Amino acid sequence: MKAILLLTSGAILCSATAAGWVWLNALACGMNTTGCSKLTLNWDDWESLSFFVPSFALGLGLMAAGGWRILKR
């Protein structure tokens, strides 16, 4: 049961992190005063991406721990 909880919480954290990253880029596109024709994910902007990498890595770690527990059984 603990393995399923680890996998689920890791997947939720990774999904929330990805959604937050897309939302931040959409907000930046909408706040652009010159207009924005399409949404692009700016992977070169490490100033804002640095806030999302630790939570994404934590989610991946939780999923890896859950997967390892399942494989050990």
PDB file of N, CA and C in Angstrom:
ATOM      1  N   MET A   1       0.817  -1.188   0.000  1.00  0.00           N
ATOM      2  CA  MET A   1       0.000   0.000   0.000  1.00  0.00           C
ATOM      3  C   MET A   1       0.863   1.255   0.000  1.00  0.00           C
ATOM      4  N   LYS A   2       2.016   1.187   0.716  1.00  0.00           N
ATOM      5  CA  LYS A   2       2.895   2.339   0.767  1.00  0.00           C
ATOM      6  C   LYS A   2       3.510   2.626  -0.604  1.00  0.00           C
ATOM      7  N   ALA A   3       3.778   1.575  -1.381  1.00  0.00           N
ATOM      8  CA  ALA A   3       4.345   1.757  -2.716  1.00  0.00           C
ATOM      9  C   ALA A   3       3.358   2.484  -3.625  1.00  0.00           C
ATOM     10  N   ILE A   4       2.088   2.117  -3.540  1.00  0.00           N
ATOM     11  CA  ILE A   4       1.064   2.781  -4.353  1.00  0.00           C
ATOM     12  C   ILE A   4       0.945   4.245  -3.950  1.00  0.00           C
ATOM     13  N   LEU A   5       1.030   4.519  -2.653  1.00  0.00           N
ATOM     14  CA  LEU A   5       0.960   5.889  -2.158  1.00  0.00           C
ATOM     15  C   LEU A   5       2.145   6.712  -2.656  1.00  0.00           C
ATOM     16  N   LEU A   6       3.337   6.120  -2.652  1.00  0.00           N
ATOM     17  CA  LEU A   6       4.516   6.812  -3.160  1.00  0.00           C
ATOM     18  C   LEU A   6       4.385   7.102  -4.657  1.00  0.00           C
ATOM     19  N   LEU A   7       3.950   6.104  -5.411  1.00  0.00           N
ATOM     20  CA  LEU A   7       3.778   6.298  -6.853  1.00  0.00           C
ATOM     21  C   LEU A   7       2.736   7.377  -7.156  1.00  0.00           C
ATOM     22  N   THR A   8       1.621   7.336  -6.451  1.00  0.00           N
ATOM     23  CA  THR A   8       0.543   8.285  -6.687  1.00  0.00           C
ATOM     24  C   THR A   8       0.942   9.702  -6.298  1.00  0.00           C
ATOM     25  N   SER A   9       1.558   9.839  -5.132  1.00  0.00           N
ATOM     26  CA  SER A   9       1.957  11.186  -4.710  1.00  0.00           C
ATOM     27  C   SER A   9       3.046  11.748  -5.616  1.00  0.00           C
ATOM     28  N   GLY A  10       3.954  10.915  -6.077  1.00  0.00           N
ATOM     29  CA  GLY A  10       4.982  11.373  -7.016  1.00  0.00           C
ATOM     30  C   GLY A  10       4.386  11.803  -8.348  1.00  0.00           C
ATOM     31  N   ALA A  11       3.423  11.034  -8.845  1.00  0.00           N
ATOM     32  CA  ALA A  11       2.777  11.393 -10.109  1.00  0.00           C
ATOM     33  C   ALA A  11       1.975  12.690  -9.979  1.00  0.00           C
ATOM     34  N   ILE A  12       1.310  12.863  -8.837  1.00  0.00           N
ATOM     35  CA  ILE A  12       0.552  14.101  -8.617  1.00  0.00           C
ATOM     36  C   ILE A  12       1.492  15.294  -8.531  1.00  0.00           C
ATOM     37  N   LEU A  13       2.611  15.134  -7.829  1.00  0.00           N
ATOM     38  CA  LEU A  13       3.569  16.225  -7.705  1.00  0.00           C
ATOM     39  C   LEU A  13       4.192  16.584  -9.047  1.00  0.00           C
ATOM     40  N   CYS A  14       4.559  15.587  -9.845  1.00  0.00           N
ATOM     41  CA  CYS A  14       5.114  15.857 -11.180  1.00  0.00           C
ATOM     42  C   CYS A  14       4.081  16.524 -12.085  1.00  0.00           C
ATOM     43  N   SER A  15       2.840  16.075 -12.019  1.00  0.00           N
ATOM     44  CA  SER A  15       1.777  16.675 -12.841  1.00  0.00           C
ATOM     45  C   SER A  15       1.501  18.110 -12.422  1.00  0.00           C
ATOM     46  N   ALA A  16       1.467  18.355 -11.121  1.00  0.00           N
ATOM     47  CA  ALA A  16       1.236  19.724 -10.634  1.00  0.00           C
ATOM     48  C   ALA A  16       2.392  20.638 -11.007  1.00  0.00           C
ATOM     49  N   THR A  17       3.602  20.130 -10.966  1.00  0.00           N
ATOM     50  CA  THR A  17       4.771  20.923 -11.347  1.00  0.00           C
ATOM     51  C   THR A  17       4.726  21.261 -12.834  1.00  0.00           C
ATOM     52  N   ALA A  18       4.412  20.286 -13.666  1.00  0.00           N
ATOM     53  CA  ALA A  18       4.313  20.537 -15.104  1.00  0.00           C
ATOM     54  C   ALA A  18       3.190  21.524 -15.407  1.00  0.00           C
ATOM     55  N   ALA A  19       2.055  21.376 -14.729  1.00  0.00           N
ATOM     56  CA  ALA A  19       0.943  22.312 -14.938  1.00  0.00           C
ATOM     57  C   ALA A  19       1.319  23.715 -14.484  1.00  0.00           C
ATOM     58  N   GLY A  20       2.051  23.828 -13.386  1.00  0.00           N
ATOM     59  CA  GLY A  20       2.502  25.132 -12.916  1.00  0.00           C
ATOM     60  C   GLY A  20       3.467  25.787 -13.886  1.00  0.00           C
ATOM     61  N   TRP A  21       4.334  24.992 -14.497  1.00  0.00           N
ATOM     62  CA  TRP A  21       5.287  25.530 -15.470  1.00  0.00           C
ATOM     63  C   TRP A  21       4.554  26.043 -16.716  1.00  0.00           C
ATOM     64  N   VAL A  22       3.583  25.274 -17.198  1.00  0.00           N
ATOM     65  CA  VAL A  22       2.802  25.711 -18.360  1.00  0.00           C
ATOM     66  C   VAL A  22       1.989  26.951 -18.004  1.00  0.00           C
ATOM     67  N   TRP A  23       1.400  26.977 -16.804  1.00  0.00           N
ATOM     68  CA  TRP A  23       0.613  28.133 -16.371  1.00  0.00           C
ATOM     69  C   TRP A  23       1.482  29.379 -16.282  1.00  0.00           C
ATOM     70  N   LEU A  24       2.718  29.251 -15.766  1.00  0.00           N
ATOM     71  CA  LEU A  24       3.619  30.389 -15.668  1.00  0.00           C
ATOM     72  C   LEU A  24       3.963  30.936 -17.045  1.00  0.00           C
ATOM     73  N   ASN A  25       4.206  30.047 -18.005  1.00  0.00           N
ATOM     74  CA  ASN A  25       4.506  30.497 -19.360  1.00  0.00           C
ATOM     75  C   ASN A  25       3.289  31.135 -20.018  1.00  0.00           C
ATOM     76  N   ALA A  26       2.108  30.594 -19.760  1.00  0.00           N
ATOM     77  CA  ALA A  26       0.894  31.205 -20.306  1.00  0.00           C
ATOM     78  C   ALA A  26       0.645  32.571 -19.686  1.00  0.00           C
ATOM     79  N   LEU A  27       0.922  32.706 -18.401  1.00  0.00           N
ATOM     80  CA  LEU A  27       0.765  33.995 -17.741  1.00  0.00           C
ATOM     81  C   LEU A  27       1.750  35.006 -18.307  1.00  0.00           C
ATOM     82  N   ALA A  28       2.984  34.580 -18.529  1.00  0.00           N
ATOM     83  CA  ALA A  28       3.983  35.481 -19.109  1.00  0.00           C
ATOM     84  C   ALA A  28       3.595  35.884 -20.525  1.00  0.00           C
ATOM     85  N   CYS A  29       3.002  34.960 -21.273  1.00  0.00           N
ATOM     86  CA  CYS A  29       2.551  35.269 -22.627  1.00  0.00           C
ATOM     87  C   CYS A  29       1.392  36.262 -22.581  1.00  0.00           C
ATOM     88  N   GLY A  30       0.484  36.086 -21.642  1.00  0.00           N
ATOM     89  CA  GLY A  30      -0.656  36.986 -21.523  1.00  0.00           C
ATOM     90  C   GLY A  30      -0.276  38.353 -21.009  1.00  0.00           C
ATOM     91  N   MET A  31       0.771  38.446 -20.209  1.00  0.00           N
ATOM     92  CA  MET A  31       1.205  39.731 -19.656  1.00  0.00           C
ATOM     93  C   MET A  31       2.089  40.509 -20.626  1.00  0.00           C
ATOM     94  N   ASN A  32       2.467  39.890 -21.722  1.00  0.00           N
ATOM     95  CA  ASN A  32       3.296  40.557 -22.719  1.00  0.00           C
ATOM     96  C   ASN A  32       2.494  41.672 -23.375  1.00  0.00           C
ATOM     97  N   THR A  33       2.979  42.890 -23.306  1.00  0.00           N
ATOM     98  CA  THR A  33       2.225  44.036 -23.828  1.00  0.00           C
ATOM     99  C   THR A  33       2.244  44.103 -25.348  1.00  0.00           C
ATOM    100  N   THR A  34       3.193  43.444 -25.997  1.00  0.00           N
ATOM    101  CA  THR A  34       3.255  43.480 -27.451  1.00  0.00           C
ATOM    102  C   THR A  34       2.433  42.376 -28.089  1.00  0.00           C
ATOM    103  N   GLY A  35       1.807  41.535 -27.280  1.00  0.00           N
ATOM    104  CA  GLY A  35       0.999  40.447 -27.826  1.00  0.00           C
ATOM    105  C   GLY A  35       1.809  39.173 -27.928  1.00  0.00           C
ATOM    106  N   CYS A  36       1.095  38.084 -27.945  1.00  0.00           N
ATOM    107  CA  CYS A  36       1.739  36.784 -28.007  1.00  0.00           C
ATOM    108  C   CYS A  36       0.882  35.903 -28.917  1.00  0.00           C
ATOM    109  N   SER A  37       1.461  35.449 -30.003  1.00  0.00           N
ATOM    110  CA  SER A  37       0.677  34.678 -30.964  1.00  0.00           C
ATOM    111  C   SER A  37       0.557  33.206 -30.575  1.00  0.00           C
ATOM    112  N   LYS A  38       1.575  32.643 -29.914  1.00  0.00           N
ATOM    113  CA  LYS A  38       1.500  31.250 -29.501  1.00  0.00           C
ATOM    114  C   LYS A  38       2.297  31.057 -28.214  1.00  0.00           C
ATOM    115  N   LEU A  39       1.907  30.060 -27.453  1.00  0.00           N
ATOM    116  CA  LEU A  39       2.555  29.759 -26.185  1.00  0.00           C
ATOM    117  C   LEU A  39       3.763  28.873 -26.428  1.00  0.00           C
ATOM    118  N   THR A  40       4.912  29.304 -25.949  1.00  0.00           N
ATOM    119  CA  THR A  40       6.116  28.489 -26.047  1.00  0.00           C
ATOM    120  C   THR A  40       6.674  28.277 -24.643  1.00  0.00           C
ATOM    121  N   LEU A  41       7.151  27.082 -24.391  1.00  0.00           N
ATOM    122  CA  LEU A  41       7.779  26.796 -23.105  1.00  0.00           C
ATOM    123  C   LEU A  41       9.237  27.205 -23.191  1.00  0.00           C
ATOM    124  N   ASN A  42       9.606  28.178 -22.396  1.00  0.00           N
ATOM    125  CA  ASN A  42      10.940  28.765 -22.446  1.00  0.00           C
ATOM    126  C   ASN A  42      11.881  27.960 -21.555  1.00  0.00           C
ATOM    127  N   TRP A  43      12.546  26.952 -22.122  1.00  0.00           N
ATOM    128  CA  TRP A  43      13.425  26.080 -21.348  1.00  0.00           C
ATOM    129  C   TRP A  43      14.772  26.721 -21.053  1.00  0.00           C
ATOM    130  N   ASP A  44      15.090  27.833 -21.701  1.00  0.00           N
ATOM    131  CA  ASP A  44      16.372  28.500 -21.466  1.00  0.00           C
ATOM    132  C   ASP A  44      16.332  29.442 -20.278  1.00  0.00           C
ATOM    133  N   ASP A  45      15.160  29.703 -19.731  1.00  0.00           N
ATOM    134  CA  ASP A  45      15.004  30.639 -18.624  1.00  0.00           C
ATOM    135  C   ASP A  45      15.168  29.905 -17.301  1.00  0.00           C
ATOM    136  N   TRP A  46      16.413  29.748 -16.844  1.00  0.00           N
ATOM    137  CA  TRP A  46      16.678  29.005 -15.623  1.00  0.00           C
ATOM    138  C   TRP A  46      16.328  29.787 -14.372  1.00  0.00           C
ATOM    139  N   GLU A  47      16.096  31.093 -14.521  1.00  0.00           N
ATOM    140  CA  GLU A  47      15.719  31.887 -13.350  1.00  0.00           C
ATOM    141  C   GLU A  47      14.372  31.433 -12.804  1.00  0.00           C
ATOM    142  N   SER A  48      13.418  31.198 -13.664  1.00  0.00           N
ATOM    143  CA  SER A  48      12.113  30.718 -13.204  1.00  0.00           C
ATOM    144  C   SER A  48      12.052  29.194 -13.159  1.00  0.00           C
ATOM    145  N   LEU A  49      12.763  28.533 -14.049  1.00  0.00           N
ATOM    146  CA  LEU A  49      12.737  27.076 -14.079  1.00  0.00           C
ATOM    147  C   LEU A  49      13.380  26.470 -12.833  1.00  0.00           C
ATOM    148  N   SER A  50      14.275  27.215 -12.197  1.00  0.00           N
ATOM    149  CA  SER A  50      14.947  26.705 -11.000  1.00  0.00           C
ATOM    150  C   SER A  50      13.975  26.477  -9.845  1.00  0.00           C
ATOM    151  N   PHE A  51      12.825  27.123  -9.865  1.00  0.00           N
ATOM    152  CA  PHE A  51      11.817  26.895  -8.835  1.00  0.00           C
ATOM    153  C   PHE A  51      11.049  25.595  -9.079  1.00  0.00           C
ATOM    154  N   PHE A  52      10.986  25.129 -10.311  1.00  0.00           N
ATOM    155  CA  PHE A  52      10.206  23.948 -10.650  1.00  0.00           C
ATOM    156  C   PHE A  52      11.024  22.664 -10.659  1.00  0.00           C
ATOM    157  N   VAL A  53      12.321  22.756 -10.881  1.00  0.00           N
ATOM    158  CA  VAL A  53      13.163  21.560 -10.972  1.00  0.00           C
ATOM    159  C   VAL A  53      13.201  20.766  -9.659  1.00  0.00           C
ATOM    160  N   PRO A  54      13.357  21.399  -8.487  1.00  0.00           N
ATOM    161  CA  PRO A  54      13.400  20.587  -7.259  1.00  0.00           C
ATOM    162  C   PRO A  54      12.109  19.814  -6.985  1.00  0.00           C
ATOM    163  N   SER A  55      10.958  20.423  -7.206  1.00  0.00           N
ATOM    164  CA  SER A  55       9.710  19.698  -6.954  1.00  0.00           C
ATOM    165  C   SER A  55       9.494  18.597  -7.993  1.00  0.00           C
ATOM    166  N   PHE A  56       9.926  18.827  -9.214  1.00  0.00           N
ATOM    167  CA  PHE A  56       9.823  17.787 -10.232  1.00  0.00           C
ATOM    168  C   PHE A  56      10.755  16.624  -9.892  1.00  0.00           C
ATOM    169  N   ALA A  57      11.962  16.940  -9.435  1.00  0.00           N
ATOM    170  CA  ALA A  57      12.907  15.889  -9.046  1.00  0.00           C
ATOM    171  C   ALA A  57      12.389  15.118  -7.833  1.00  0.00           C
ATOM    172  N   LEU A  58      11.762  15.808  -6.895  1.00  0.00           N
ATOM    173  CA  LEU A  58      11.179  15.130  -5.736  1.00  0.00           C
ATOM    174  C   LEU A  58      10.061  14.180  -6.162  1.00  0.00           C
ATOM    175  N   GLY A  59       9.224  14.615  -7.094  1.00  0.00           N
ATOM    176  CA  GLY A  59       8.165  13.751  -7.615  1.00  0.00           C
ATOM    177  C   GLY A  59       8.728  12.528  -8.312  1.00  0.00           C
ATOM    178  N   LEU A  60       9.781  12.721  -9.105  1.00  0.00           N
ATOM    179  CA  LEU A  60      10.422  11.574  -9.761  1.00  0.00           C
ATOM    180  C   LEU A  60      11.040  10.637  -8.733  1.00  0.00           C
ATOM    181  N   GLY A  61      11.618  11.198  -7.675  1.00  0.00           N
ATOM    182  CA  GLY A  61      12.193  10.375  -6.617  1.00  0.00           C
ATOM    183  C   GLY A  61      11.136   9.558  -5.888  1.00  0.00           C
ATOM    184  N   LEU A  62       9.993  10.170  -5.626  1.00  0.00           N
ATOM    185  CA  LEU A  62       8.898   9.436  -4.984  1.00  0.00           C
ATOM    186  C   LEU A  62       8.398   8.305  -5.868  1.00  0.00           C
ATOM    187  N   MET A  63       8.270   8.576  -7.161  1.00  0.00           N
ATOM    188  CA  MET A  63       7.826   7.520  -8.075  1.00  0.00           C
ATOM    189  C   MET A  63       8.877   6.410  -8.181  1.00  0.00           C
ATOM    190  N   ALA A  64      10.150   6.768  -8.177  1.00  0.00           N
ATOM    191  CA  ALA A  64      11.208   5.756  -8.232  1.00  0.00           C
ATOM    192  C   ALA A  64      11.202   4.901  -6.963  1.00  0.00           C
ATOM    193  N   ALA A  65      10.990   5.537  -5.819  1.00  0.00           N
ATOM    194  CA  ALA A  65      10.941   4.782  -4.560  1.00  0.00           C
ATOM    195  C   ALA A  65       9.745   3.833  -4.548  1.00  0.00           C
ATOM    196  N   GLY A  66       8.611   4.288  -5.039  1.00  0.00           N
ATOM    197  CA  GLY A  66       7.447   3.414  -5.112  1.00  0.00           C
ATOM    198  C   GLY A  66       7.648   2.275  -6.080  1.00  0.00           C
ATOM    199  N   GLY A  67       8.255   2.561  -7.217  1.00  0.00           N
ATOM    200  CA  GLY A  67       8.538   1.509  -8.181  1.00  0.00           C
ATOM    201  C   GLY A  67       9.539   0.501  -7.650  1.00  0.00           C
ATOM    202  N   TRP A  68      10.526   0.987  -6.894  1.00  0.00           N
ATOM    203  CA  TRP A  68      11.516   0.085  -6.310  1.00  0.00           C
ATOM    204  C   TRP A  68      10.870  -0.830  -5.276  1.00  0.00           C
ATOM    205  N   ARG A  69       9.947  -0.293  -4.483  1.00  0.00           N
ATOM    206  CA  ARG A  69       9.249  -1.132  -3.494  1.00  0.00           C
ATOM    207  C   ARG A  69       8.408  -2.208  -4.173  1.00  0.00           C
ATOM    208  N   ILE A  70       7.794  -1.862  -5.280  1.00  0.00           N
ATOM    209  CA  ILE A  70       6.996  -2.852  -6.008  1.00  0.00           C
ATOM    210  C   ILE A  70       7.888  -3.930  -6.603  1.00  0.00           C
ATOM    211  N   LEU A  71       9.037  -3.530  -7.165  1.00  0.00           N
ATOM    212  CA  LEU A  71       9.952  -4.502  -7.747  1.00  0.00           C
ATOM    213  C   LEU A  71      10.592  -5.414  -6.703  1.00  0.00           C
ATOM    214  N   LYS A  72      10.806  -4.905  -5.504  1.00  0.00           N
ATOM    215  CA  LYS A  72      11.421  -5.720  -4.447  1.00  0.00           C
ATOM    216  C   LYS A  72      10.460  -6.796  -3.936  1.00  0.00           C
ATOM    217  N   ARG A  73       9.169  -6.592  -4.081  1.00  0.00           N
ATOM    218  CA  ARG A  73       8.196  -7.586  -3.590  1.00  0.00           C
ATOM    219  C   ARG A  73       8.204  -8.805  -4.406  1.00  0.00           C
TER     220      ARG A  73
END
